[in-house]
Amino acid sequence: MGSLIGMSNPFKILDEASLRWYHIKMMLIAAVGTFTDGYDLTILCLVILPLLASFGISSIKSSLGVF
């Protein structure tokens, strides 16, 4: 693999590389990670209000950090 200095197209190596199972696996892992993160945030938003109410913490107290 040569130096990138003086090359007219530094991405030529990436453009000519073949798509392998490893690349597909990494794309699937990234997609599942994004889905899981969104699912986590949605569930936390749905659960936090009833959880605060069960402990008797109002929205004003929780926003001020006073418990």
C-alpha atoms as a PDB file:
ATOM      1  CA  MET A   1       0.000   0.000   0.000  1.00  0.00           C
ATOM      2  CA  GLY A   2       1.630   3.221  -1.131  1.00  0.00           C
ATOM      3  CA  SER A   3       1.570   6.691   0.227  1.00  0.00           C
ATOM      4  CA  LEU A   4      -1.502   8.852  -0.304  1.00  0.00           C
ATOM      5  CA  ILE A   5       0.672  11.853  -1.203  1.00  0.00           C
ATOM      6  CA  GLY A   6       0.502  12.577  -4.900  1.00  0.00           C
ATOM      7  CA  MET A   7      -2.435  10.280  -5.589  1.00  0.00           C
ATOM      8  CA  SER A   8      -5.177  11.832  -7.691  1.00  0.00           C
ATOM      9  CA  ASN A   9      -7.902   9.805  -5.960  1.00  0.00           C
ATOM     10  CA  PRO A  10      -7.073   8.793  -2.369  1.00  0.00           C
ATOM     11  CA  PHE A  11     -10.351   6.822  -2.068  1.00  0.00           C
ATOM     12  CA  LYS A  12      -9.566   4.545  -5.017  1.00  0.00           C
ATOM     13  CA  ILE A  13      -8.582   1.695  -2.685  1.00  0.00           C
ATOM     14  CA  LEU A  14     -11.921   1.935  -0.871  1.00  0.00           C
ATOM     15  CA  ASP A  15     -13.890   2.221  -4.117  1.00  0.00           C
ATOM     16  CA  GLU A  16     -12.319  -0.932  -5.522  1.00  0.00           C
ATOM     17  CA  ALA A  17     -12.576  -3.009  -2.336  1.00  0.00           C
ATOM     18  CA  SER A  18     -15.059  -5.861  -2.407  1.00  0.00           C
ATOM     19  CA  LEU A  19     -17.986  -6.040  -0.005  1.00  0.00           C
ATOM     20  CA  ARG A  20     -17.447  -8.912   2.400  1.00  0.00           C
ATOM     21  CA  TRP A  21     -19.519 -10.608   5.077  1.00  0.00           C
ATOM     22  CA  TYR A  22     -17.619  -8.615   7.722  1.00  0.00           C
ATOM     23  CA  HIS A  23     -18.866  -5.326   6.218  1.00  0.00           C
ATOM     24  CA  ILE A  24     -22.470  -6.513   6.129  1.00  0.00           C
ATOM     25  CA  LYS A  25     -22.176  -7.757   9.717  1.00  0.00           C
ATOM     26  CA  MET A  26     -20.854  -4.376  10.885  1.00  0.00           C
ATOM     27  CA  MET A  27     -23.692  -2.534   9.098  1.00  0.00           C
ATOM     28  CA  LEU A  28     -26.273  -4.781  10.788  1.00  0.00           C
ATOM     29  CA  ILE A  29     -24.690  -4.282  14.215  1.00  0.00           C
ATOM     30  CA  ALA A  30     -24.717  -0.501  13.719  1.00  0.00           C
ATOM     31  CA  ALA A  31     -28.377  -0.561  12.627  1.00  0.00           C
ATOM     32  CA  VAL A  32     -29.427  -2.712  15.587  1.00  0.00           C
ATOM     33  CA  GLY A  33     -27.481  -0.441  17.945  1.00  0.00           C
ATOM     34  CA  THR A  34     -29.299   2.616  16.636  1.00  0.00           C
ATOM     35  CA  PHE A  35     -32.667   0.878  16.981  1.00  0.00           C
ATOM     36  CA  THR A  36     -31.835  -0.271  20.517  1.00  0.00           C
ATOM     37  CA  ASP A  37     -30.773   3.219  21.563  1.00  0.00           C
ATOM     38  CA  GLY A  38     -34.035   4.702  20.262  1.00  0.00           C
ATOM     39  CA  TYR A  39     -36.037   1.966  21.976  1.00  0.00           C
ATOM     40  CA  ASP A  40     -34.213   2.637  25.259  1.00  0.00           C
ATOM     41  CA  LEU A  41     -34.946   6.355  25.163  1.00  0.00           C
ATOM     42  CA  THR A  42     -38.608   5.773  24.308  1.00  0.00           C
ATOM     43  CA  ILE A  43     -39.114   3.322  27.163  1.00  0.00           C
ATOM     44  CA  LEU A  44     -37.359   5.634  29.632  1.00  0.00           C
ATOM     45  CA  CYS A  45     -39.621   8.520  28.626  1.00  0.00           C
ATOM     46  CA  LEU A  46     -42.730   6.385  29.069  1.00  0.00           C
ATOM     47  CA  VAL A  47     -41.652   4.964  32.433  1.00  0.00           C
ATOM     48  CA  ILE A  48     -40.158   7.986  34.183  1.00  0.00           C
ATOM     49  CA  LEU A  49     -43.416   9.896  34.782  1.00  0.00           C
ATOM     50  CA  PRO A  50     -45.301   7.024  36.471  1.00  0.00           C
ATOM     51  CA  LEU A  51     -42.141   6.157  38.392  1.00  0.00           C
ATOM     52  CA  LEU A  52     -41.820   9.711  39.728  1.00  0.00           C
ATOM     53  CA  ALA A  53     -45.520   9.711  40.656  1.00  0.00           C
ATOM     54  CA  SER A  54     -45.151   6.434  42.559  1.00  0.00           C
ATOM     55  CA  PHE A  55     -42.417   8.021  44.689  1.00  0.00           C
ATOM     56  CA  GLY A  56     -44.496  11.172  45.228  1.00  0.00           C
ATOM     57  CA  ILE A  57     -42.147  13.422  43.270  1.00  0.00           C
ATOM     58  CA  SER A  58     -43.879  16.191  41.318  1.00  0.00           C
ATOM     59  CA  SER A  59     -42.585  17.550  38.031  1.00  0.00           C
ATOM     60  CA  ILE A  60     -41.621  20.828  39.725  1.00  0.00           C
ATOM     61  CA  LYS A  61     -39.576  19.028  42.390  1.00  0.00           C
ATOM     62  CA  SER A  62     -37.858  16.834  39.833  1.00  0.00           C
ATOM     63  CA  SER A  63     -36.938  19.793  37.613  1.00  0.00           C
ATOM     64  CA  LEU A  64     -35.468  21.643  40.604  1.00  0.00           C
ATOM     65  CA  GLY A  65     -33.641  18.570  41.847  1.00  0.00           C
ATOM     66  CA  VAL A  66     -35.440  18.734  45.207  1.00  0.00           C
ATOM     67  CA  PHE A  67     -36.628  15.348  46.399  1.00  0.00           C
END
